Amino acid sequence: MAVIYKDAWEIDIMRQAGRIAATTLQALVRMVAPGKTTGELDRVAEEMIRGAGARPTFKGYRGYRHTICASVNEEIVHGIPSDGRVLKEGNILSIDIGATYKGYVGDTAITVPVGRVSAGATKLMEACQGALEAGIAQMNPGKRLVDVSRAIEQYSTERGFSVVRNYCGHGVGRDMHEDPQVPNYVDPNLPYLSMELRPGLVLAIEPMLCEGTYRTRTLGDQWTVVTADGKLSAHFEHTIVVTQEGHEVLTSLKP
């Protein structure tokens, strides 16, 4: 495992990449409504990212042809945007987006309601956001990677949701996926989870929670990952750096 720690100059560039990704994601969230298509969201995302002097990180990655991933209801991650995918009242939509600026990546995701949604869907989304915040709270120097995984798993399971196991968070920098991987549960078979968090470590933390089983399957498009039982899933993500004093969320628009 080769963990790449970032210096102050690199972190500043990643802060700018993160702001571009976050600003674009915020604009997409405002667009979400019944009758909108995920293809429309994708086009706006590409325009905004390129207009800010960055490039869409996902586009071209392993042959992927779009700027965002747009996953609806039981789709966990990697949903392909399309003009044929019309959002309907009661759906929940996960939007995952990356922006590469001056060679560095900002990676973030959110799950939002489409119009009015069920109480169960709201509870799922709130739990997933809370799990992300619980993981971020552990991103301080002297903590260990396992503390992040444990916090996410504990927060999620205490609220009655399962945590996806075969997709996880990751280091991020010049590449979208760097070491270390960040599972959203404690796996005793991963000795690297004992690694200490040090200033300059940048991670994309991204819990994915499910109403039912954590097991997944991939659709015939070879991208879209769905829950094996067809129940709802939610996905939240931020890019965070460990600092001398604690941590900074690089994809947050909060001051």
Protein backbone atom coordinates (compact mmCIF):
# COMPACT_ATOMS: atom_id res chain seq x y z
CA MET A 1 0.00 0.00 0.00
CA ALA A 2 1.43 3.37 -1.07
CA VAL A 3 -0.29 6.23 0.75
CA ILE A 4 0.44 9.65 -0.79
CA TYR A 5 0.39 12.53 1.70
CA LYS A 6 -0.31 16.00 0.30
CA ASP A 7 1.61 19.19 1.06
CA ALA A 8 0.07 22.63 1.57
CA TRP A 9 0.27 23.56 -2.12
CA GLU A 10 -1.47 20.37 -3.18
CA ILE A 11 -4.15 20.76 -0.53
CA ASP A 12 -4.88 24.28 -1.77
CA ILE A 13 -5.39 22.96 -5.31
CA MET A 14 -7.61 20.18 -3.97
CA ARG A 15 -9.60 22.78 -2.03
CA GLN A 16 -10.29 24.54 -5.34
CA ALA A 17 -11.20 21.27 -7.07
CA GLY A 18 -13.49 20.42 -4.18
CA ARG A 19 -15.26 23.78 -4.38
CA ILE A 20 -15.89 23.32 -8.11
CA ALA A 21 -17.36 19.88 -7.50
CA ALA A 22 -19.45 21.10 -4.56
CA THR A 23 -20.76 24.19 -6.35
CA THR A 24 -21.79 22.07 -9.32
CA LEU A 25 -23.45 19.49 -7.11
CA GLN A 26 -25.40 22.21 -5.29
CA ALA A 27 -26.70 23.53 -8.62
CA LEU A 28 -27.81 20.05 -9.66
CA VAL A 29 -29.65 19.52 -6.37
CA ARG A 30 -31.63 22.71 -7.03
CA MET A 31 -32.64 21.29 -10.43
CA VAL A 32 -33.97 17.98 -9.13
CA ALA A 33 -37.73 17.75 -9.59
CA PRO A 34 -40.34 15.41 -11.06
CA GLY A 35 -40.11 15.50 -14.85
CA LYS A 36 -36.40 16.31 -15.01
CA THR A 37 -34.13 13.75 -16.63
CA THR A 38 -30.77 12.59 -15.35
CA GLY A 39 -29.38 13.42 -18.80
CA GLU A 40 -30.23 17.09 -18.25
CA LEU A 41 -28.37 17.06 -14.95
CA ASP A 42 -25.35 15.50 -16.61
CA ARG A 43 -25.13 18.20 -19.30
CA VAL A 44 -25.37 21.03 -16.78
CA ALA A 45 -22.69 19.39 -14.65
CA GLU A 46 -20.25 19.17 -17.55
CA GLU A 47 -20.88 22.78 -18.56
CA MET A 48 -20.30 24.05 -15.05
CA ILE A 49 -17.15 22.01 -14.40
CA ARG A 50 -15.55 22.97 -17.71
CA GLY A 51 -16.68 26.58 -17.28
CA ALA A 52 -14.75 26.67 -13.99
CA GLY A 53 -11.55 25.60 -15.72
CA ALA A 54 -11.70 21.98 -14.59
CA ARG A 55 -12.60 18.74 -16.29
CA PRO A 56 -15.14 16.05 -15.36
CA THR A 57 -13.16 13.39 -13.49
CA PHE A 58 -15.50 10.53 -14.32
CA LYS A 59 -15.69 11.14 -18.06
CA GLY A 60 -13.38 8.67 -19.79
CA TYR A 61 -12.62 6.74 -16.60
CA ARG A 62 -12.53 3.08 -17.64
CA GLY A 63 -14.62 4.04 -20.66
CA TYR A 64 -17.35 5.85 -18.70
CA ARG A 65 -18.95 8.45 -20.98
CA HIS A 66 -20.65 10.84 -18.56
CA THR A 67 -19.87 13.57 -16.03
CA ILE A 68 -22.01 12.34 -13.13
CA CYS A 69 -23.34 9.09 -11.83
CA ALA A 70 -27.10 9.33 -11.23
CA SER A 71 -28.53 6.44 -9.22
CA VAL A 72 -32.27 6.19 -8.56
CA ASN A 73 -33.99 4.32 -5.71
CA GLU A 74 -32.46 0.81 -5.47
CA GLU A 75 -29.45 1.88 -7.55
CA ILE A 76 -26.52 2.25 -5.16
CA VAL A 77 -23.76 3.72 -7.35
CA HIS A 78 -22.64 4.18 -10.96
CA GLY A 79 -26.11 4.81 -12.38
CA ILE A 80 -25.76 6.08 -15.96
CA PRO A 81 -27.50 9.42 -16.72
CA SER A 82 -29.88 9.41 -19.66
CA ASP A 83 -32.51 11.58 -21.33
CA GLY A 84 -34.75 8.53 -21.05
CA ARG A 85 -34.48 8.44 -17.25
CA VAL A 86 -37.24 10.76 -16.07
CA LEU A 87 -37.38 11.51 -12.35
CA LYS A 88 -40.71 10.81 -10.68
CA GLU A 89 -42.39 12.04 -7.52
CA GLY A 90 -41.27 9.87 -4.61
CA ASN A 91 -37.93 8.81 -6.12
CA ILE A 92 -34.67 9.35 -4.31
CA LEU A 93 -31.66 10.29 -6.43
CA SER A 94 -27.96 9.83 -5.63
CA ILE A 95 -25.67 12.17 -7.56
CA ASP A 96 -21.94 11.42 -7.55
CA ILE A 97 -19.58 13.94 -9.14
CA GLY A 98 -15.88 14.58 -9.55
CA ALA A 99 -13.95 17.61 -10.80
CA THR A 100 -10.26 17.56 -11.70
CA TYR A 101 -8.55 20.94 -11.39
CA LYS A 102 -4.86 21.43 -12.17
CA GLY A 103 -4.45 17.67 -11.98
CA TYR A 104 -6.14 17.12 -8.60
CA VAL A 105 -9.54 15.62 -7.86
CA GLY A 106 -12.51 16.75 -5.78
CA ASP A 107 -15.03 13.93 -5.26
CA THR A 108 -18.45 14.29 -3.62
CA ALA A 109 -21.95 12.79 -3.62
CA ILE A 110 -25.39 13.35 -2.14
CA THR A 111 -28.79 11.66 -2.12
CA VAL A 112 -31.86 13.89 -2.44
CA PRO A 113 -35.62 13.44 -2.60
CA VAL A 114 -37.59 14.00 -5.80
CA GLY A 115 -40.66 15.85 -4.59
CA ARG A 116 -42.35 14.21 -1.62
CA VAL A 117 -40.86 10.90 -0.52
CA SER A 118 -41.81 8.29 2.05
CA ALA A 119 -40.89 8.56 5.70
CA GLY A 120 -38.71 5.48 5.26
CA ALA A 121 -36.76 7.10 2.40
CA THR A 122 -36.24 10.24 4.47
CA LYS A 123 -34.97 8.19 7.41
CA LEU A 124 -32.54 6.35 5.12
CA MET A 125 -31.12 9.56 3.64
CA GLU A 126 -30.77 11.18 7.05
CA ALA A 127 -29.00 8.12 8.41
CA CYS A 128 -26.58 8.03 5.48
CA GLN A 129 -25.71 11.71 5.88
CA GLY A 130 -25.27 11.17 9.61
CA ALA A 131 -23.00 8.18 8.98
CA LEU A 132 -20.80 10.33 6.75
CA GLU A 133 -20.60 13.00 9.44
CA ALA A 134 -19.75 10.36 12.05
CA GLY A 135 -16.89 9.12 9.88
CA ILE A 136 -15.61 12.64 9.21
CA ALA A 137 -15.58 13.36 12.95
CA GLN A 138 -12.88 10.68 13.32
CA MET A 139 -10.60 12.25 10.69
CA ASN A 140 -8.17 13.76 13.17
CA PRO A 141 -4.41 13.24 13.67
CA GLY A 142 -3.67 10.39 16.02
CA LYS A 143 -6.87 8.53 15.17
CA ARG A 144 -6.74 5.35 13.11
CA LEU A 145 -8.45 4.41 9.88
CA VAL A 146 -10.46 1.76 11.71
CA ASP A 147 -12.02 4.54 13.82
CA VAL A 148 -13.58 5.98 10.65
CA SER A 149 -14.92 2.60 9.53
CA ARG A 150 -16.25 1.79 13.00
CA ALA A 151 -18.03 5.12 13.38
CA ILE A 152 -19.82 4.73 10.04
CA GLU A 153 -20.85 1.14 10.69
CA GLN A 154 -22.03 1.79 14.22
CA TYR A 155 -24.06 4.87 13.30
CA SER A 156 -25.73 3.03 10.40
CA THR A 157 -26.56 -0.24 12.11
CA GLU A 158 -27.89 1.48 15.22
CA ARG A 159 -30.49 3.07 12.95
CA GLY A 160 -31.46 -0.20 11.33
CA PHE A 161 -29.63 0.04 8.01
CA SER A 162 -27.03 -2.20 6.39
CA VAL A 163 -23.75 -0.90 4.98
CA VAL A 164 -22.59 -1.87 1.49
CA ARG A 165 -19.41 -3.91 1.78
CA ASN A 166 -18.02 -4.32 -1.72
CA TYR A 167 -17.78 -0.58 -2.48
CA CYS A 168 -15.97 1.83 -0.21
CA GLY A 169 -14.18 5.13 0.25
CA HIS A 170 -10.60 5.74 -0.83
CA GLY A 171 -7.62 8.00 -0.89
CA VAL A 172 -7.79 10.74 -3.50
CA GLY A 173 -5.38 13.20 -5.08
CA ARG A 174 -3.94 13.19 -8.57
CA ASP A 175 -5.85 9.95 -9.08
CA MET A 176 -9.49 9.50 -8.16
CA HIS A 177 -8.70 6.22 -6.42
CA GLU A 178 -5.56 6.10 -4.30
CA ASP A 179 -4.53 4.11 -1.24
CA PRO A 180 -5.89 3.46 1.28
CA GLN A 181 -9.34 2.03 0.71
CA VAL A 182 -11.82 3.09 3.41
CA PRO A 183 -14.41 0.39 4.12
CA ASN A 184 -17.63 1.51 5.77
CA TYR A 185 -17.48 -1.37 8.23
CA VAL A 186 -14.78 -2.96 10.38
CA ASP A 187 -13.13 -5.85 8.55
CA PRO A 188 -10.73 -7.73 10.86
CA ASN A 189 -9.03 -9.20 7.79
CA LEU A 190 -7.65 -5.79 6.76
CA PRO A 191 -4.56 -5.11 8.90
CA TYR A 192 -3.96 -1.73 7.24
CA LEU A 193 -7.03 -0.35 9.04
CA SER A 194 -4.72 0.13 12.03
CA MET A 195 -2.82 2.87 10.16
CA GLU A 196 -2.61 6.17 12.01
CA LEU A 197 -4.19 9.24 10.43
CA ARG A 198 -1.56 11.89 9.77
CA PRO A 199 -1.73 15.47 8.46
CA GLY A 200 -1.77 15.55 4.67
CA LEU A 201 -3.85 12.40 4.29
CA VAL A 202 -6.78 13.06 1.95
CA LEU A 203 -9.68 10.62 1.86
CA ALA A 204 -12.99 10.42 0.05
CA ILE A 205 -15.35 8.94 2.64
CA GLU A 206 -18.57 7.60 1.13
CA PRO A 207 -21.03 5.48 3.10
CA MET A 208 -23.68 3.64 1.10
CA LEU A 209 -26.63 2.47 3.18
CA CYS A 210 -29.43 0.07 2.30
CA GLU A 211 -32.91 -0.53 3.69
CA GLY A 212 -32.44 -4.28 3.40
CA THR A 213 -29.48 -6.47 2.53
CA TYR A 214 -26.05 -5.00 1.86
CA ARG A 215 -25.60 -7.46 -1.00
CA THR A 216 -25.42 -6.02 -4.49
CA ARG A 217 -25.63 -6.96 -8.14
CA THR A 218 -24.52 -5.19 -11.30
CA LEU A 219 -26.94 -4.58 -14.18
CA GLY A 220 -26.32 -5.55 -17.78
CA ASP A 221 -24.83 -2.14 -18.62
CA GLN A 222 -21.84 -3.30 -16.50
CA TRP A 223 -21.94 -0.06 -14.50
CA THR A 224 -25.12 0.32 -12.46
CA VAL A 225 -24.92 -1.35 -9.05
CA VAL A 226 -28.25 -2.12 -7.35
CA THR A 227 -29.38 -3.66 -4.10
CA ALA A 228 -29.86 -7.42 -4.46
CA ASP A 229 -33.34 -7.24 -2.88
CA GLY A 230 -34.56 -4.16 -4.77
CA LYS A 231 -34.87 -2.01 -1.66
CA LEU A 232 -33.75 1.62 -1.44
CA SER A 233 -30.15 2.76 -1.06
CA ALA A 234 -28.52 6.12 -0.28
CA HIS A 235 -25.01 7.46 -0.87
CA PHE A 236 -23.19 10.50 0.58
CA GLU A 237 -19.55 11.49 0.06
CA HIS A 238 -17.04 14.21 0.91
CA THR A 239 -13.33 14.69 0.30
CA ILE A 240 -11.55 15.41 3.59
CA VAL A 241 -7.95 16.22 4.56
CA VAL A 242 -6.40 15.54 7.96
CA THR A 243 -4.79 18.73 9.29
CA GLN A 244 -2.50 19.51 12.22
CA GLU A 245 -5.51 20.74 14.20
CA GLY A 246 -8.12 18.20 13.03
CA HIS A 247 -9.62 18.00 9.55
CA GLU A 248 -11.05 20.07 6.70
CA VAL A 249 -13.86 19.05 4.37
CA LEU A 250 -12.59 20.08 0.94
CA THR A 251 -15.93 19.56 -0.81
CA SER A 252 -18.01 21.63 1.60
CA LEU A 253 -19.36 25.06 0.70
CA LYS A 254 -19.60 26.00 4.36
CA PRO A 255 -17.06 28.68 5.43
